[in-house]
Structures are given as structure tokens and as C-alpha cells.
Amino acid sequence: MRHEEVIADLHRRWVFGWERDEGDAPFDFRRTFGEFYDFNSPDVRLYDDFDPAQRVATTAAGYGSIWEPAFDRMVSAHHAVDDGPHVVAGHELAASTLTFVARITMPDSTTDIRTTTSLVWHRTADGWRIVREHNSSKVLPAGDLDGVLPTPKTP
């Protein structure tokens, strides 16, 4: 399989790693994303403007510590790929861009978003791993994704 195809598959699977259903076990970032992020590289920089504090994580574990509490509070999170992934790949580095939509349901609110995500992948002995991430999200009007996302599972 060509590098571009491998990265495209990884990026698609990465999106759906963020799925949550009511009653899921506590969100464990390393367990969920261990095959995606480089947990050992000193060159990691990960950013998502959906983080209210807009922190830049310099380790994969640090990035997980940003998202674990938020995802543990969620009732559900459902995603669909809207565009991409678009990939450029060399022998050691690759970049991919993908746009997804998501509905995030908290105990007291629901938010629909459209996010453009750009990932830089480094080829390691264990496979391709994320070393850079930049996500830009736009909150959509309430109900904008009605009928777009799959029906949530019930516990």
C-alpha cells in the first residue's frame, strides 16, 4: 500500500477514535490513540481551538490530559467525514487534511461543529505517528447536522 493510502486510512480511523456513546467506559486517550500519536517524540506539538483554554500540548500524554476530562463528561460524540483526507507523503514525513462534522452531546447541551484537521505524521519503527496536529472548529447552528450523523446507540 502506498504511503498516501496508509495515511488516509489512519486519518479516517483517527476521526472515529473520538466517538463516544452513552454508557461508554471512561475515555482513555493512550488506549484509544496509542497507535496514532508519537508518545516518545520531543517534537510533538498538538493544538485544537475547541479546547476552551487553547493550549498547545508538547507531548501526546499532555494532549490526552486536555481531552480525557471533557470526553468523560460527554454523553456522546458522533462524527462524519465531510471532505478528505487529502494527503501528501514522503518517505519519513506525511501531512493530511480532513474536514469532519460532529455532534457533541453534554448532559445539558448539544453542539454541532465542523472541524478542519491537519496532521503531520512521522514514520517510526512502529509505523506512522502524529507529531503535529492543528484543528480549527466552527460551531454550527443548532440542529444543522440533523439527519447527517448516524443515530446514536443506546446503552
Protein backbone atom coordinates (compact mmCIF):
# COMPACT_ATOMS: atom_id res chain seq x y z
CA MET A 1 0.00 0.00 0.00
CA ARG A 2 1.33 3.47 -0.86
CA HIS A 3 2.18 5.90 1.96
CA GLU A 4 -0.68 8.20 0.90
CA GLU A 5 -3.21 5.38 1.23
CA VAL A 6 -1.86 4.33 4.64
CA ILE A 7 -2.05 7.91 5.96
CA ALA A 8 -5.55 8.42 4.53
CA ASP A 9 -6.74 5.27 6.30
CA LEU A 10 -5.08 6.32 9.57
CA HIS A 11 -6.62 9.81 9.44
CA ARG A 12 -10.12 8.40 8.81
CA ARG A 13 -9.74 5.93 11.69
CA TRP A 14 -8.35 8.69 13.94
CA VAL A 15 -11.57 10.74 13.47
CA PHE A 16 -13.72 7.87 14.68
CA GLY A 17 -11.50 7.23 17.69
CA TRP A 18 -13.19 10.31 19.16
CA GLU A 19 -16.64 8.67 19.04
CA ARG A 20 -18.48 8.34 22.33
CA ASP A 21 -21.77 6.67 23.16
CA GLU A 22 -23.76 6.99 26.34
CA GLY A 23 -22.54 4.39 28.83
CA ASP A 24 -19.03 4.04 27.33
CA ALA A 25 -16.15 3.25 29.66
CA PRO A 26 -14.09 6.25 30.80
CA PHE A 27 -12.14 7.82 27.93
CA ASP A 28 -8.54 6.59 27.93
CA PHE A 29 -6.53 8.65 25.43
CA ARG A 30 -3.47 6.38 25.34
CA ARG A 31 -5.54 3.22 24.94
CA THR A 32 -7.65 4.79 22.19
CA PHE A 33 -4.90 6.63 20.32
CA GLY A 34 -1.70 4.71 21.12
CA GLU A 35 -1.36 3.63 17.51
CA PHE A 36 -1.81 7.18 16.20
CA TYR A 37 0.30 9.58 18.29
CA ASP A 38 4.03 9.54 18.91
CA PHE A 39 4.19 9.25 22.70
CA ASN A 40 8.02 9.36 22.68
CA SER A 41 8.94 12.23 20.34
CA PRO A 42 10.26 15.52 21.75
CA ASP A 43 8.97 17.21 18.56
CA VAL A 44 5.23 16.89 19.27
CA ARG A 45 3.01 19.99 19.02
CA LEU A 46 -0.75 19.42 19.23
CA TYR A 47 -3.44 22.11 19.15
CA ASP A 48 -7.22 22.22 18.90
CA ASP A 49 -9.11 25.50 19.15
CA PHE A 50 -12.12 23.59 20.55
CA ASP A 51 -10.13 23.45 23.81
CA PRO A 52 -11.51 26.47 25.73
CA ALA A 53 -8.01 27.20 27.10
CA GLN A 54 -6.46 26.81 23.62
CA ARG A 55 -3.40 25.03 24.99
CA VAL A 56 -0.59 23.66 22.83
CA ALA A 57 0.48 20.24 24.05
CA THR A 58 4.11 19.25 23.62
CA THR A 59 3.51 15.58 24.40
CA ALA A 60 0.82 13.13 23.38
CA ALA A 61 0.18 12.33 27.05
CA GLY A 62 -0.28 16.04 27.75
CA TYR A 63 -2.77 16.28 24.90
CA GLY A 64 -4.67 13.35 26.35
CA SER A 65 -4.86 15.12 29.71
CA ILE A 66 -6.63 18.02 27.96
CA TRP A 67 -9.30 15.79 26.41
CA GLU A 68 -9.90 12.97 28.90
CA PRO A 69 -11.93 15.08 31.39
CA ALA A 70 -14.04 16.65 28.62
CA PHE A 71 -14.77 13.33 26.93
CA ASP A 72 -15.61 11.69 30.26
CA ARG A 73 -18.32 14.33 30.80
CA MET A 74 -19.82 13.83 27.34
CA VAL A 75 -22.98 11.85 26.82
CA SER A 76 -21.99 11.21 23.20
CA ALA A 77 -19.84 12.41 20.32
CA HIS A 78 -20.65 11.38 16.75
CA HIS A 79 -18.65 12.21 13.64
CA ALA A 80 -18.84 12.07 9.86
CA VAL A 81 -16.11 12.86 7.36
CA ASP A 82 -17.14 15.86 5.25
CA ASP A 83 -14.08 16.16 2.99
CA GLY A 84 -10.83 14.27 2.56
CA PRO A 85 -8.48 13.10 3.66
CA HIS A 86 -6.05 14.87 1.36
CA VAL A 87 -2.53 13.52 1.79
CA VAL A 88 1.00 14.37 0.72
CA ALA A 89 3.62 11.85 1.77
CA GLY A 90 7.34 11.36 1.56
CA HIS A 91 9.46 8.57 2.96
CA GLU A 92 9.69 9.88 6.56
CA LEU A 93 7.02 12.61 6.82
CA ALA A 94 3.45 12.98 5.62
CA ALA A 95 0.70 15.55 6.03
CA SER A 96 -3.03 15.01 5.85
CA THR A 97 -6.00 17.34 5.96
CA LEU A 98 -9.58 16.29 6.57
CA THR A 99 -12.82 18.05 7.41
CA PHE A 100 -15.35 16.38 9.67
CA VAL A 101 -18.64 17.29 11.29
CA ALA A 102 -19.56 16.23 14.80
CA ARG A 103 -22.38 16.45 17.27
CA ILE A 104 -21.17 16.73 20.85
CA THR A 105 -23.83 15.98 23.46
CA MET A 106 -23.18 17.03 27.05
CA PRO A 107 -25.64 16.40 29.91
CA ASP A 108 -27.12 19.89 29.45
CA SER A 109 -26.41 20.85 25.83
CA THR A 110 -25.72 19.71 22.28
CA THR A 111 -23.21 21.37 19.96
CA ASP A 112 -22.76 20.74 16.24
CA ILE A 113 -19.33 21.56 14.80
CA ARG A 114 -17.40 21.46 11.55
CA THR A 115 -13.67 20.95 12.03
CA THR A 116 -10.74 21.12 9.66
CA THR A 117 -7.92 19.00 10.95
CA SER A 118 -4.35 18.96 9.71
CA LEU A 119 -1.99 16.25 10.90
CA VAL A 120 1.73 15.74 10.32
CA TRP A 121 2.85 12.14 10.54
CA HIS A 122 6.38 10.88 11.19
CA ARG A 123 7.37 7.39 10.11
CA THR A 124 8.76 5.46 13.08
CA ALA A 125 9.82 1.86 13.62
CA ASP A 126 6.28 1.25 14.91
CA GLY A 127 4.57 2.89 11.92
CA TRP A 128 3.27 6.35 11.10
CA ARG A 129 2.65 8.53 14.17
CA ILE A 130 1.21 12.04 14.64
CA VAL A 131 3.74 14.68 15.70
CA ARG A 132 1.77 17.79 14.71
CA GLU A 133 -1.95 18.49 14.92
CA HIS A 134 -3.96 21.61 14.26
CA ASN A 135 -7.74 21.60 14.44
CA SER A 136 -9.96 24.58 13.69
CA SER A 137 -13.62 24.23 14.58
CA LYS A 138 -16.69 26.26 13.78
CA VAL A 139 -19.84 25.87 15.87
CA LEU A 140 -22.81 25.30 13.56
CA PRO A 141 -26.39 26.46 14.08
CA ALA A 142 -28.37 24.15 16.41
CA GLY A 143 -29.74 21.17 14.52
CA ASP A 144 -27.55 21.78 11.47
CA LEU A 145 -26.44 18.15 11.44
CA ASP A 146 -29.91 16.62 11.89
CA GLY A 147 -30.08 13.65 9.54
CA VAL A 148 -26.35 13.87 8.70
CA LEU A 149 -24.94 11.73 11.50
CA PRO A 150 -25.83 8.16 12.39
CA THR A 151 -28.44 7.60 15.08
CA PRO A 152 -26.73 7.21 18.49
CA LYS A 153 -26.55 3.76 20.05
CA THR A 154 -28.48 3.21 23.25
CA PRO A 155 -26.77 1.58 26.23
